[in-house]
């Protein structure tokens, strides 16, 4: 399956290894054609983070990510004190926002998210974004990310697991400006497992991403 954001089209199948979850922001069992929810993801201290991270501001080559005011993020994943682990956290935060920027821009090949995704993860993410574009849909609301677990290996690879609360995130249809609100259920809480590799520029790129909605570990 594939990842975050209120799920838009249940019929879309994405590569398991490239999973960007199409699970739901909350759960809605209504059978409206073509209007399933689109699932979302992000975290770092309980402060909504709209400003660039330290990693982004200190490296001018990184893409600038500016999102609309109706999207907000809380990253409850404080710094660890380990340079590499903190870099994984910072790049993962930006990668989450970069995918949302592509959805907002309605561009499945948006350069910002391609800066952070490689291989199967990039291919799966492209399909995920295309799903929104095909339905002329975007996202709105609040995302919270928490329970981070990061491990970095000496070979320049890392694994990162975290939870996402999609309970206050929704799909917005662009033609009508209609926001599809859904009730909060167990499926509103999603767990993500990512594999990353540091590239030659020192950026932690996502190679694979998998997700599962309704994870017991992520329930409040």
N, C-alpha and C. Protein backbone atom coordinates (compact mmCIF):
# COMPACT_ATOMS: atom_id res chain seq x y z
N UNK A 1 0.85 -1.19 0.00
CA UNK A 1 0.00 0.00 0.00
C UNK A 1 0.88 1.23 0.00
N UNK A 2 0.28 2.35 -0.16
CA UNK A 2 1.02 3.60 -0.17
C UNK A 2 0.50 4.58 0.84
N UNK A 3 0.83 5.48 1.13
CA UNK A 3 0.90 6.33 2.26
C UNK A 3 -0.14 7.32 2.72
N UNK A 4 0.28 8.35 3.24
CA UNK A 4 -0.38 9.41 3.92
C UNK A 4 -1.51 10.08 3.15
N UNK A 5 -2.12 11.02 3.79
CA UNK A 5 -3.15 11.88 3.26
C UNK A 5 -4.46 11.13 3.25
N UNK A 6 -5.54 11.79 3.45
CA UNK A 6 -6.85 11.17 3.47
C UNK A 6 -7.04 10.37 2.19
N UNK A 7 -7.40 9.12 2.22
CA UNK A 7 -7.42 8.29 1.01
C UNK A 7 -8.39 8.73 -0.05
N UNK A 8 -7.88 8.86 -1.26
CA UNK A 8 -8.70 9.37 -2.36
C UNK A 8 -9.39 8.25 -3.12
N UNK A 9 -8.62 7.32 -3.67
CA UNK A 9 -9.22 6.27 -4.49
C UNK A 9 -8.79 4.92 -3.97
N UNK A 10 -9.73 4.18 -3.43
CA UNK A 10 -9.38 2.88 -2.87
C UNK A 10 -8.91 1.93 -3.96
N UNK A 11 -9.32 2.17 -5.19
CA UNK A 11 -8.97 1.26 -6.28
C UNK A 11 -7.51 1.35 -6.70
N UNK A 12 -6.85 2.42 -6.30
CA UNK A 12 -5.46 2.58 -6.74
C UNK A 12 -4.56 1.59 -6.02
N UNK A 13 -3.77 0.81 -6.78
CA UNK A 13 -2.83 -0.10 -6.15
C UNK A 13 -1.43 0.43 -6.32
N UNK A 14 -0.67 0.50 -5.22
CA UNK A 14 0.69 1.01 -5.29
C UNK A 14 1.66 -0.08 -4.84
N UNK A 15 2.88 -0.01 -5.33
CA UNK A 15 3.88 -0.99 -4.98
C UNK A 15 4.08 -1.04 -3.48
N UNK A 16 4.06 -2.21 -2.90
CA UNK A 16 4.17 -2.33 -1.45
C UNK A 16 5.44 -1.68 -0.93
N UNK A 17 6.53 -1.85 -1.64
CA UNK A 17 7.78 -1.28 -1.16
C UNK A 17 7.81 0.22 -1.29
N UNK A 18 7.00 0.76 -2.18
CA UNK A 18 7.01 2.21 -2.39
C UNK A 18 5.88 2.88 -1.65
N UNK A 19 5.37 2.25 -0.64
CA UNK A 19 4.11 2.64 -0.05
C UNK A 19 4.01 4.02 0.55
N UNK A 20 3.19 4.85 -0.02
CA UNK A 20 2.79 6.14 0.53
C UNK A 20 1.33 5.92 0.86
N UNK A 21 0.88 5.75 1.97
CA UNK A 21 -0.44 5.22 2.26
C UNK A 21 -1.62 5.95 1.68
N UNK A 22 -2.49 5.20 1.03
CA UNK A 22 -3.78 5.77 0.67
C UNK A 22 -4.76 5.28 1.71
N UNK A 23 -4.44 5.42 2.98
CA UNK A 23 -5.40 5.09 4.02
C UNK A 23 -6.15 6.35 4.32
N UNK A 24 -7.14 6.31 5.19
CA UNK A 24 -8.00 7.46 5.30
C UNK A 24 -7.71 8.38 6.45
N UNK A 25 -8.08 9.67 6.25
CA UNK A 25 -8.06 10.62 7.35
C UNK A 25 -9.33 10.29 8.06
N UNK A 26 -9.28 9.60 9.11
CA UNK A 26 -10.50 9.14 9.73
C UNK A 26 -11.00 8.01 8.89
N UNK A 27 -12.26 7.63 9.03
CA UNK A 27 -12.78 6.53 8.24
C UNK A 27 -14.17 6.88 7.79
N UNK A 28 -14.45 6.66 6.52
CA UNK A 28 -15.76 6.97 5.97
C UNK A 28 -16.16 5.82 5.08
N UNK A 29 -17.20 5.11 5.45
CA UNK A 29 -17.59 3.92 4.68
C UNK A 29 -18.59 4.23 3.58
N UNK A 30 -18.88 5.53 3.32
CA UNK A 30 -19.82 5.87 2.27
C UNK A 30 -19.26 5.44 0.93
N UNK A 31 -20.14 5.17 -0.03
CA UNK A 31 -19.68 4.62 -1.30
C UNK A 31 -19.75 5.63 -2.43
N UNK A 32 -19.51 6.92 -2.13
CA UNK A 32 -19.51 7.94 -3.18
C UNK A 32 -18.47 7.57 -4.22
N UNK A 33 -18.85 7.56 -5.49
CA UNK A 33 -17.93 7.16 -6.55
C UNK A 33 -16.82 8.18 -6.71
N UNK A 34 -15.56 7.68 -6.69
CA UNK A 34 -14.41 8.54 -6.94
C UNK A 34 -14.14 9.54 -5.85
N UNK A 35 -14.77 9.40 -4.66
CA UNK A 35 -14.53 10.40 -3.62
C UNK A 35 -14.13 9.75 -2.32
N UNK A 36 -13.35 8.68 -2.34
CA UNK A 36 -12.81 8.10 -1.10
C UNK A 36 -11.82 9.08 -0.53
N UNK A 37 -11.49 8.92 0.73
CA UNK A 37 -10.55 9.82 1.36
C UNK A 37 -9.14 9.60 0.86
N UNK A 38 -8.27 10.57 1.01
CA UNK A 38 -6.87 10.44 0.63
C UNK A 38 -6.01 10.47 1.89
N UNK A 39 -5.13 9.52 2.17
CA UNK A 39 -4.41 9.52 3.45
C UNK A 39 -3.15 10.35 3.51
N UNK A 40 -2.79 11.00 4.66
CA UNK A 40 -1.66 11.86 4.81
C UNK A 40 -0.49 11.47 5.70
N UNK A 41 0.64 12.43 6.32
CA UNK A 41 1.83 12.12 7.16
C UNK A 41 2.74 13.26 7.59
N UNK A 42 3.51 13.65 8.79
CA UNK A 42 4.55 14.58 9.24
C UNK A 42 4.70 14.65 10.79
N UNK A 43 5.88 15.19 11.53
CA UNK A 43 6.15 15.35 12.99
C UNK A 43 7.31 16.27 13.45
N UNK A 44 7.79 16.44 14.74
CA UNK A 44 8.95 17.17 15.35
C UNK A 44 8.57 18.01 16.50
N UNK A 45 8.69 18.27 17.64
CA UNK A 45 8.17 19.04 18.74
C UNK A 45 6.74 19.47 18.49
N UNK A 46 5.98 19.71 19.49
CA UNK A 46 4.58 19.98 19.32
C UNK A 46 4.27 21.31 18.73
N UNK A 47 5.09 21.82 17.90
CA UNK A 47 4.87 23.13 17.31
C UNK A 47 4.57 22.98 15.84
N UNK A 48 3.47 23.53 15.36
CA UNK A 48 3.20 23.43 13.93
C UNK A 48 4.39 24.01 13.20
N UNK A 49 4.96 23.26 12.24
CA UNK A 49 6.18 23.74 11.60
C UNK A 49 5.92 24.22 10.19
N UNK A 50 5.84 25.52 10.02
CA UNK A 50 5.62 26.07 8.70
C UNK A 50 6.91 26.65 8.15
N UNK A 51 7.85 26.96 9.03
CA UNK A 51 9.10 27.55 8.59
C UNK A 51 10.10 26.47 8.21
N UNK A 52 11.10 26.80 7.38
CA UNK A 52 12.09 25.81 6.96
C UNK A 52 12.87 25.29 8.15
N UNK A 53 13.30 24.02 8.08
CA UNK A 53 14.10 23.45 9.15
C UNK A 53 15.51 24.00 9.05
N UNK A 54 16.31 23.75 10.08
CA UNK A 54 17.69 24.21 10.09
C UNK A 54 18.45 23.63 8.92
N UNK A 55 18.17 22.34 8.64
CA UNK A 55 18.88 21.69 7.54
C UNK A 55 18.56 22.38 6.22
N UNK A 56 17.28 22.75 6.04
CA UNK A 56 16.88 23.37 4.79
C UNK A 56 17.52 24.75 4.64
N UNK A 57 17.47 25.57 5.73
CA UNK A 57 17.95 26.93 5.63
C UNK A 57 19.46 27.00 5.48
N UNK A 58 20.17 25.98 6.01
CA UNK A 58 21.62 26.02 5.95
C UNK A 58 22.17 25.45 4.64
N UNK A 59 21.31 24.85 3.83
CA UNK A 59 21.75 24.27 2.57
C UNK A 59 20.92 24.86 1.43
N UNK A 60 21.42 25.90 0.78
CA UNK A 60 20.64 26.62 -0.24
C UNK A 60 20.23 25.77 -1.43
N UNK A 61 20.89 24.63 -1.64
CA UNK A 61 20.54 23.80 -2.78
C UNK A 61 19.25 23.01 -2.56
N UNK A 62 18.82 22.93 -1.32
CA UNK A 62 17.59 22.19 -1.03
C UNK A 62 16.38 22.96 -1.56
N UNK A 63 15.35 22.25 -2.00
CA UNK A 63 14.17 22.94 -2.54
C UNK A 63 13.45 23.74 -1.46
N UNK A 64 12.92 24.87 -1.84
CA UNK A 64 12.15 25.69 -0.91
C UNK A 64 10.71 25.18 -0.90
N UNK A 65 10.20 24.88 0.26
CA UNK A 65 8.86 24.31 0.36
C UNK A 65 7.94 25.28 1.08
N UNK A 66 7.02 25.86 0.34
CA UNK A 66 6.04 26.78 0.91
C UNK A 66 4.65 26.23 0.65
N UNK A 67 3.92 25.96 1.72
CA UNK A 67 2.60 25.35 1.62
C UNK A 67 1.52 26.35 2.01
N UNK A 68 0.29 26.16 1.53
CA UNK A 68 -0.79 27.10 1.85
C UNK A 68 -1.13 27.11 3.33
N UNK A 69 -1.75 28.19 3.77
CA UNK A 69 -2.06 28.40 5.18
C UNK A 69 -3.05 27.40 5.74
N UNK A 70 -3.81 26.72 4.87
CA UNK A 70 -4.80 25.77 5.38
C UNK A 70 -4.19 24.40 5.68
N UNK A 71 -2.87 24.27 5.55
CA UNK A 71 -2.17 23.04 5.91
C UNK A 71 -1.23 23.34 7.07
N UNK A 72 -1.29 22.54 8.12
CA UNK A 72 -0.36 22.73 9.24
C UNK A 72 0.16 21.38 9.71
N UNK A 73 1.33 21.40 10.32
CA UNK A 73 2.02 20.18 10.72
C UNK A 73 2.56 20.31 12.13
N UNK A 74 2.48 19.21 12.87
CA UNK A 74 3.14 19.11 14.15
C UNK A 74 4.04 17.87 14.09
N UNK A 75 5.32 18.06 14.36
CA UNK A 75 6.27 16.96 14.36
C UNK A 75 6.74 16.72 15.80
N UNK A 76 6.16 15.72 16.43
CA UNK A 76 6.57 15.36 17.78
C UNK A 76 7.72 14.37 17.71
N UNK A 77 8.82 14.81 17.11
CA UNK A 77 10.02 13.97 17.10
C UNK A 77 11.22 14.87 17.40
N UNK A 78 11.48 15.07 18.70
CA UNK A 78 12.56 15.96 19.12
C UNK A 78 13.92 15.44 18.70
N UNK A 79 14.91 16.33 18.69
CA UNK A 79 16.26 15.95 18.30
C UNK A 79 16.83 14.91 19.26
N UNK A 80 17.65 14.04 18.71
CA UNK A 80 18.23 12.96 19.50
C UNK A 80 19.60 13.32 20.06
N UNK A 81 20.26 14.32 19.47
CA UNK A 81 21.62 14.65 19.85
C UNK A 81 22.64 13.93 18.99
N UNK A 82 22.18 12.99 18.17
CA UNK A 82 23.06 12.28 17.23
C UNK A 82 22.95 12.97 15.87
N UNK A 83 24.08 13.39 15.32
CA UNK A 83 24.07 14.18 14.09
C UNK A 83 23.36 13.47 12.94
N UNK A 84 23.68 12.19 12.71
CA UNK A 84 23.07 11.47 11.60
C UNK A 84 21.58 11.22 11.82
N UNK A 85 21.21 10.83 13.02
CA UNK A 85 19.79 10.58 13.30
C UNK A 85 18.97 11.86 13.14
N UNK A 86 19.52 12.97 13.64
CA UNK A 86 18.81 14.24 13.51
C UNK A 86 18.69 14.68 12.06
N UNK A 87 19.68 14.34 11.24
CA UNK A 87 19.61 14.65 9.81
C UNK A 87 18.53 13.83 9.14
N UNK A 88 18.37 12.57 9.55
CA UNK A 88 17.29 11.72 9.02
C UNK A 88 15.94 12.32 9.38
N UNK A 89 15.79 12.77 10.62
CA UNK A 89 14.53 13.39 11.05
C UNK A 89 14.23 14.64 10.25
N UNK A 90 15.24 15.49 10.07
CA UNK A 90 15.04 16.75 9.34
C UNK A 90 14.68 16.51 7.88
N UNK A 91 15.39 15.59 7.22
CA UNK A 91 15.11 15.32 5.81
C UNK A 91 13.77 14.63 5.64
N UNK A 92 13.40 13.78 6.60
CA UNK A 92 12.10 13.10 6.52
C UNK A 92 10.96 14.10 6.65
N UNK A 93 11.14 15.08 7.52
CA UNK A 93 10.12 16.13 7.66
C UNK A 93 9.94 16.87 6.34
N UNK A 94 11.04 17.23 5.71
CA UNK A 94 10.96 17.95 4.45
C UNK A 94 10.38 17.08 3.34
N UNK A 95 10.69 15.79 3.38
CA UNK A 95 10.17 14.89 2.34
C UNK A 95 8.65 14.78 2.42
N UNK A 96 8.13 14.78 3.62
CA UNK A 96 6.68 14.72 3.82
C UNK A 96 6.01 15.97 3.25
N UNK A 97 6.57 17.11 3.59
CA UNK A 97 6.00 18.37 3.09
C UNK A 97 6.17 18.50 1.58
N UNK A 98 7.25 17.95 1.05
CA UNK A 98 7.50 18.05 -0.39
C UNK A 98 6.44 17.29 -1.18
N UNK A 99 6.01 16.14 -0.66
CA UNK A 99 4.94 15.39 -1.34
C UNK A 99 3.65 16.19 -1.30
N UNK A 100 3.35 16.81 -0.17
CA UNK A 100 2.14 17.63 -0.07
C UNK A 100 2.20 18.82 -1.02
N UNK A 101 3.40 19.37 -1.19
CA UNK A 101 3.55 20.48 -2.14
C UNK A 101 3.22 20.03 -3.56
N UNK A 102 3.64 18.82 -3.91
CA UNK A 102 3.33 18.29 -5.25
C UNK A 102 1.83 18.12 -5.43
N UNK A 103 1.14 17.70 -4.36
CA UNK A 103 -0.32 17.56 -4.42
C UNK A 103 -0.96 18.94 -4.60
N UNK A 104 -0.49 19.90 -3.83
CA UNK A 104 -1.01 21.27 -3.93
C UNK A 104 -0.76 21.83 -5.33
N UNK A 105 0.43 21.56 -5.87
CA UNK A 105 0.79 22.04 -7.21
C UNK A 105 0.17 21.20 -8.32
N UNK A 106 -0.45 20.07 -7.95
CA UNK A 106 -1.03 19.15 -8.93
C UNK A 106 0.02 18.73 -9.96
N UNK A 107 1.21 18.37 -9.45
CA UNK A 107 2.32 18.02 -10.33
C UNK A 107 2.98 16.72 -9.85
N UNK A 108 2.70 15.58 -10.52
CA UNK A 108 3.27 14.30 -10.12
C UNK A 108 4.78 14.21 -10.29
N UNK A 109 5.38 15.19 -10.98
CA UNK A 109 6.83 15.20 -11.17
C UNK A 109 7.46 16.44 -10.53
N UNK A 110 6.83 16.93 -9.49
CA UNK A 110 7.33 18.12 -8.81
C UNK A 110 8.76 17.88 -8.30
N UNK A 111 9.64 18.83 -8.56
CA UNK A 111 11.07 18.64 -8.27
C UNK A 111 11.36 18.52 -6.77
N UNK A 112 10.56 19.15 -5.93
CA UNK A 112 10.85 19.15 -4.49
C UNK A 112 10.82 17.74 -3.91
N UNK A 113 9.76 16.96 -4.21
CA UNK A 113 9.71 15.62 -3.62
C UNK A 113 10.72 14.69 -4.28
N UNK A 114 11.03 14.91 -5.57
CA UNK A 114 12.02 14.07 -6.25
C UNK A 114 13.42 14.30 -5.68
N UNK A 115 13.61 15.38 -4.98
CA UNK A 115 14.88 15.66 -4.32
C UNK A 115 15.10 14.68 -3.15
N UNK A 116 13.99 14.20 -2.57
CA UNK A 116 14.07 13.35 -1.38
C UNK A 116 13.70 11.89 -1.62
N UNK A 117 13.18 11.55 -2.79
CA UNK A 117 12.74 10.18 -3.06
C UNK A 117 13.53 9.59 -4.22
N UNK A 118 13.86 8.30 -4.09
CA UNK A 118 14.60 7.60 -5.13
C UNK A 118 13.94 6.26 -5.43
N UNK A 119 14.23 5.73 -6.62
CA UNK A 119 13.85 4.36 -6.96
C UNK A 119 12.38 4.06 -6.80
N UNK A 120 12.09 2.92 -6.14
CA UNK A 120 10.70 2.48 -5.99
C UNK A 120 9.87 3.46 -5.17
N UNK A 121 10.49 4.09 -4.20
CA UNK A 121 9.76 5.07 -3.40
C UNK A 121 9.31 6.25 -4.26
N UNK A 122 10.17 6.69 -5.16
CA UNK A 122 9.82 7.80 -6.06
C UNK A 122 8.71 7.39 -7.02
N UNK A 123 8.79 6.18 -7.55
CA UNK A 123 7.77 5.69 -8.49
C UNK A 123 6.41 5.57 -7.81
N UNK A 124 6.40 5.01 -6.60
CA UNK A 124 5.15 4.88 -5.87
C UNK A 124 4.56 6.22 -5.48
N UNK A 125 5.42 7.15 -5.12
CA UNK A 125 4.96 8.48 -4.74
C UNK A 125 4.37 9.22 -5.93
N UNK A 126 4.97 9.04 -7.09
CA UNK A 126 4.44 9.66 -8.30
C UNK A 126 3.01 9.19 -8.57
N UNK A 127 2.77 7.89 -8.41
CA UNK A 127 1.42 7.35 -8.62
C UNK A 127 0.46 7.90 -7.58
N UNK A 128 0.94 8.01 -6.35
CA UNK A 128 0.12 8.54 -5.27
C UNK A 128 -0.33 9.97 -5.57
N UNK A 129 0.60 10.80 -6.02
CA UNK A 129 0.28 12.19 -6.35
C UNK A 129 -0.64 12.26 -7.58
N UNK A 130 -0.36 11.41 -8.57
CA UNK A 130 -1.18 11.37 -9.78
C UNK A 130 -2.64 11.07 -9.45
N UNK A 131 -2.85 10.27 -8.40
CA UNK A 131 -4.19 9.93 -7.95
C UNK A 131 -4.98 11.19 -7.59
N UNK A 132 -4.34 12.11 -6.90
CA UNK A 132 -4.98 13.38 -6.55
C UNK A 132 -5.23 14.23 -7.79
N UNK A 133 -4.23 14.25 -8.67
CA UNK A 133 -4.35 15.06 -9.88
C UNK A 133 -5.52 14.56 -10.73
N UNK A 134 -5.64 13.26 -10.89
CA UNK A 134 -6.73 12.68 -11.69
C UNK A 134 -8.10 13.05 -11.14
N UNK A 135 -8.19 13.18 -9.82
CA UNK A 135 -9.47 13.50 -9.19
C UNK A 135 -9.64 15.00 -8.94
N UNK A 136 -8.64 15.79 -9.38
CA UNK A 136 -8.64 17.24 -9.15
C UNK A 136 -8.88 17.53 -7.67
N UNK A 137 -8.08 16.87 -6.85
CA UNK A 137 -8.22 16.98 -5.40
C UNK A 137 -6.91 17.41 -4.76
N UNK A 138 -7.03 18.09 -3.64
CA UNK A 138 -5.86 18.48 -2.85
C UNK A 138 -6.12 18.07 -1.40
N UNK A 139 -5.34 18.60 -0.47
CA UNK A 139 -5.50 18.26 0.94
C UNK A 139 -5.59 19.52 1.77
N UNK A 140 -6.19 19.39 2.94
CA UNK A 140 -6.32 20.52 3.85
C UNK A 140 -6.38 19.98 5.27
N UNK A 141 -6.10 20.83 6.25
CA UNK A 141 -6.22 20.40 7.63
C UNK A 141 -4.90 20.31 8.36
N UNK A 142 -4.90 19.51 9.44
CA UNK A 142 -3.75 19.42 10.32
C UNK A 142 -3.22 17.99 10.37
N UNK A 143 -1.89 17.86 10.32
CA UNK A 143 -1.23 16.57 10.41
C UNK A 143 -0.30 16.55 11.62
N UNK A 144 -0.31 15.45 12.32
CA UNK A 144 0.61 15.30 13.45
C UNK A 144 1.42 14.02 13.27
N UNK A 145 2.73 14.10 13.50
CA UNK A 145 3.63 12.96 13.38
C UNK A 145 4.33 12.73 14.72
N UNK A 146 4.44 11.47 15.09
CA UNK A 146 4.95 11.18 16.44
C UNK A 146 5.53 9.76 16.51
N UNK A 147 6.02 9.40 17.69
CA UNK A 147 6.60 8.07 17.95
C UNK A 147 7.70 7.70 16.97
N UNK A 148 8.72 8.56 16.78
CA UNK A 148 9.79 8.25 15.84
C UNK A 148 10.78 7.22 16.38
N UNK A 149 11.23 6.35 15.52
CA UNK A 149 12.29 5.39 15.85
C UNK A 149 13.26 5.36 14.67
N UNK A 150 14.47 5.81 14.89
CA UNK A 150 15.43 5.90 13.79
C UNK A 150 16.70 5.15 14.15
N UNK A 151 17.23 4.43 13.16
CA UNK A 151 18.49 3.71 13.33
C UNK A 151 19.36 3.99 12.12
N UNK A 152 20.62 4.32 12.35
CA UNK A 152 21.54 4.64 11.27
C UNK A 152 22.68 3.61 11.27
N UNK A 153 22.97 3.05 10.08
CA UNK A 153 24.06 2.08 9.96
C UNK A 153 25.32 2.75 9.44
N UNK A 154 26.45 2.09 9.65
CA UNK A 154 27.73 2.65 9.25
C UNK A 154 27.89 2.72 7.73
N UNK A 155 27.08 1.97 7.00
CA UNK A 155 27.20 1.96 5.54
C UNK A 155 26.43 3.10 4.87
N UNK A 156 25.92 4.06 5.66
CA UNK A 156 25.22 5.20 5.08
C UNK A 156 23.76 4.94 4.78
N UNK A 157 23.18 3.90 5.40
CA UNK A 157 21.75 3.63 5.25
C UNK A 157 21.08 3.82 6.61
N UNK A 158 19.77 3.98 6.59
CA UNK A 158 19.03 4.18 7.83
C UNK A 158 17.62 3.62 7.69
N UNK A 159 17.02 3.33 8.82
CA UNK A 159 15.61 2.93 8.85
C UNK A 159 14.89 3.89 9.78
N UNK A 160 13.67 4.23 9.41
CA UNK A 160 12.91 5.22 10.20
C UNK A 160 11.45 4.80 10.24
N UNK A 161 10.92 4.67 11.44
CA UNK A 161 9.52 4.32 11.66
C UNK A 161 8.85 5.45 12.44
N UNK A 162 7.64 5.81 12.05
CA UNK A 162 6.93 6.88 12.76
C UNK A 162 5.43 6.73 12.56
N UNK A 163 4.67 7.44 13.38
CA UNK A 163 3.20 7.41 13.30
C UNK A 163 2.67 8.73 12.77
N UNK A 164 1.48 8.64 12.21
CA UNK A 164 0.80 9.86 11.73
C UNK A 164 -0.65 9.85 12.20
N UNK A 165 -1.10 10.99 12.68
CA UNK A 165 -2.50 11.20 13.06
C UNK A 165 -3.16 12.00 11.94
N UNK A 166 -4.07 11.36 11.21
CA UNK A 166 -4.77 12.00 10.10
C UNK A 166 -6.17 12.45 10.48
N UNK A 167 -6.49 12.43 11.78
CA UNK A 167 -7.86 12.68 12.22
C UNK A 167 -8.41 14.05 11.84
N UNK A 168 -7.50 15.04 11.65
CA UNK A 168 -7.97 16.39 11.31
C UNK A 168 -7.46 16.81 9.94
N UNK A 169 -7.21 15.83 9.08
CA UNK A 169 -6.76 16.10 7.71
C UNK A 169 -7.82 15.60 6.74
N UNK A 170 -8.04 16.36 5.68
CA UNK A 170 -9.15 16.04 4.77
C UNK A 170 -8.78 16.27 3.31
N UNK A 171 -9.59 15.67 2.44
CA UNK A 171 -9.46 15.90 1.01
C UNK A 171 -10.30 17.13 0.62
N UNK A 172 -9.74 17.93 -0.28
CA UNK A 172 -10.46 19.11 -0.78
C UNK A 172 -10.54 18.99 -2.30
N UNK A 173 -11.75 19.02 -2.84
CA UNK A 173 -11.94 18.92 -4.28
C UNK A 173 -11.86 20.31 -4.91
N UNK A 174 -10.97 20.45 -5.87
CA UNK A 174 -10.61 21.76 -6.38
C UNK A 174 -11.71 22.43 -7.21
N UNK A 175 -12.46 21.67 -7.96
CA UNK A 175 -13.51 22.26 -8.80
C UNK A 175 -14.59 22.92 -7.97
N UNK A 176 -14.97 22.27 -6.88
CA UNK A 176 -16.09 22.76 -6.06
C UNK A 176 -15.61 23.43 -4.77
N UNK A 177 -14.33 23.25 -4.44
CA UNK A 177 -13.75 23.72 -3.18
C UNK A 177 -14.40 23.02 -1.99
N UNK A 178 -14.99 21.86 -2.26
CA UNK A 178 -15.66 21.10 -1.21
C UNK A 178 -14.63 20.31 -0.40
N UNK A 179 -14.74 20.40 0.92
CA UNK A 179 -13.87 19.63 1.81
C UNK A 179 -14.66 18.43 2.31
N UNK A 180 -14.08 17.25 2.12
CA UNK A 180 -14.77 16.05 2.56
C UNK A 180 -14.27 15.66 3.95
N UNK A 181 -15.04 15.97 4.95
CA UNK A 181 -14.66 15.67 6.33
C UNK A 181 -15.13 14.26 6.69
N UNK A 182 -14.29 13.57 7.44
CA UNK A 182 -14.57 12.20 7.83
C UNK A 182 -14.37 12.04 9.32
N UNK A 183 -15.08 11.09 9.89
CA UNK A 183 -14.97 10.88 11.33
C UNK A 183 -13.64 10.19 11.66
N UNK A 184 -13.21 10.39 12.89
CA UNK A 184 -11.96 9.78 13.34
C UNK A 184 -12.23 8.35 13.79
N UNK A 185 -11.45 7.41 13.26
CA UNK A 185 -11.54 6.01 13.66
C UNK A 185 -10.13 5.48 13.86
N UNK A 186 -10.02 4.21 14.15
CA UNK A 186 -8.70 3.59 14.33
C UNK A 186 -7.84 3.75 13.08
N UNK A 187 -8.49 3.79 11.91
CA UNK A 187 -7.76 3.90 10.65
C UNK A 187 -7.17 5.29 10.43
N UNK A 188 -7.52 6.22 11.29
CA UNK A 188 -6.97 7.58 11.17
C UNK A 188 -5.51 7.62 11.61
N UNK A 189 -5.04 6.54 12.22
CA UNK A 189 -3.68 6.50 12.75
C UNK A 189 -2.86 5.52 11.92
N UNK A 190 -1.79 6.05 11.32
CA UNK A 190 -1.01 5.30 10.34
C UNK A 190 0.43 5.17 10.80
N UNK A 191 1.00 3.98 10.59
CA UNK A 191 2.42 3.79 10.88
C UNK A 191 3.19 3.70 9.57
N UNK A 192 4.37 4.29 9.52
CA UNK A 192 5.21 4.28 8.32
C UNK A 192 6.56 3.65 8.64
N UNK A 193 7.04 2.87 7.70
CA UNK A 193 8.37 2.28 7.79
C UNK A 193 9.14 2.72 6.55
N UNK A 194 10.24 3.43 6.72
CA UNK A 194 11.01 3.90 5.57
C UNK A 194 12.45 3.40 5.64
N UNK A 195 13.02 3.21 4.46
CA UNK A 195 14.45 2.89 4.33
C UNK A 195 15.09 4.04 3.59
N UNK A 196 16.21 4.55 4.10
CA UNK A 196 16.86 5.72 3.52
C UNK A 196 18.33 5.45 3.26
N UNK A 197 18.88 6.27 2.37
CA UNK A 197 20.31 6.18 2.08
C UNK A 197 20.85 7.59 1.86
N UNK A 198 22.00 7.86 2.46
CA UNK A 198 22.59 9.18 2.31
C UNK A 198 23.28 9.27 0.95
N UNK A 199 22.93 10.31 0.16
CA UNK A 199 23.54 10.45 -1.16
C UNK A 199 24.84 11.28 -1.07
N UNK A 200 25.45 11.52 -2.20
CA UNK A 200 26.73 12.22 -2.23
C UNK A 200 26.67 13.64 -1.73
N UNK A 201 25.46 14.24 -1.73
CA UNK A 201 25.30 15.61 -1.23
C UNK A 201 24.94 15.64 0.25
N UNK A 202 24.89 14.46 0.87
CA UNK A 202 24.56 14.41 2.29
C UNK A 202 23.08 14.42 2.59
N UNK A 203 22.24 14.19 1.57
CA UNK A 203 20.79 14.18 1.76
C UNK A 203 20.34 12.74 2.00
N UNK A 204 19.49 12.54 3.00
CA UNK A 204 18.94 11.21 3.28
C UNK A 204 17.73 10.98 2.38
N UNK A 205 17.93 10.22 1.33
CA UNK A 205 16.87 9.95 0.35
C UNK A 205 16.09 8.70 0.76
N UNK A 206 14.78 8.75 0.54
CA UNK A 206 13.92 7.61 0.84
C UNK A 206 13.97 6.63 -0.33
N UNK A 207 14.36 5.41 -0.05
CA UNK A 207 14.45 4.36 -1.06
C UNK A 207 13.17 3.53 -1.10
N UNK A 208 12.64 3.22 0.06
CA UNK A 208 11.41 2.44 0.19
C UNK A 208 10.56 3.00 1.32
N UNK A 209 9.26 2.93 1.16
CA UNK A 209 8.35 3.39 2.20
C UNK A 209 7.12 2.48 2.22
N UNK A 210 6.74 2.06 3.41
CA UNK A 210 5.58 1.19 3.57
C UNK A 210 4.72 1.76 4.70
N UNK A 211 3.44 1.53 4.66
CA UNK A 211 2.56 2.08 5.68
C UNK A 211 1.41 1.15 5.98
N UNK A 212 0.84 1.33 7.16
CA UNK A 212 -0.31 0.52 7.58
C UNK A 212 -1.24 1.39 8.40
N UNK A 213 -2.49 1.49 7.98
CA UNK A 213 -3.46 2.27 8.75
C UNK A 213 -4.05 1.41 9.86
N UNK A 214 -4.47 2.06 10.93
CA UNK A 214 -5.06 1.33 12.04
C UNK A 214 -4.05 0.64 12.92
N UNK A 215 -2.79 1.03 12.83
CA UNK A 215 -1.75 0.39 13.62
C UNK A 215 -2.01 0.53 15.12
N UNK A 216 -1.92 -0.59 15.85
CA UNK A 216 -2.14 -0.57 17.30
C UNK A 216 -1.11 0.31 17.99
N UNK A 217 0.09 0.34 17.45
CA UNK A 217 1.17 1.11 18.04
C UNK A 217 0.88 2.61 18.01
N UNK A 218 0.13 3.06 17.03
CA UNK A 218 -0.11 4.49 16.84
C UNK A 218 -1.41 5.00 17.46
N UNK A 219 -2.21 4.11 18.01
CA UNK A 219 -3.48 4.53 18.59
C UNK A 219 -3.24 5.42 19.81
N UNK A 220 -4.07 6.43 20.03
CA UNK A 220 -3.92 7.32 21.19
C UNK A 220 -4.25 6.61 22.49
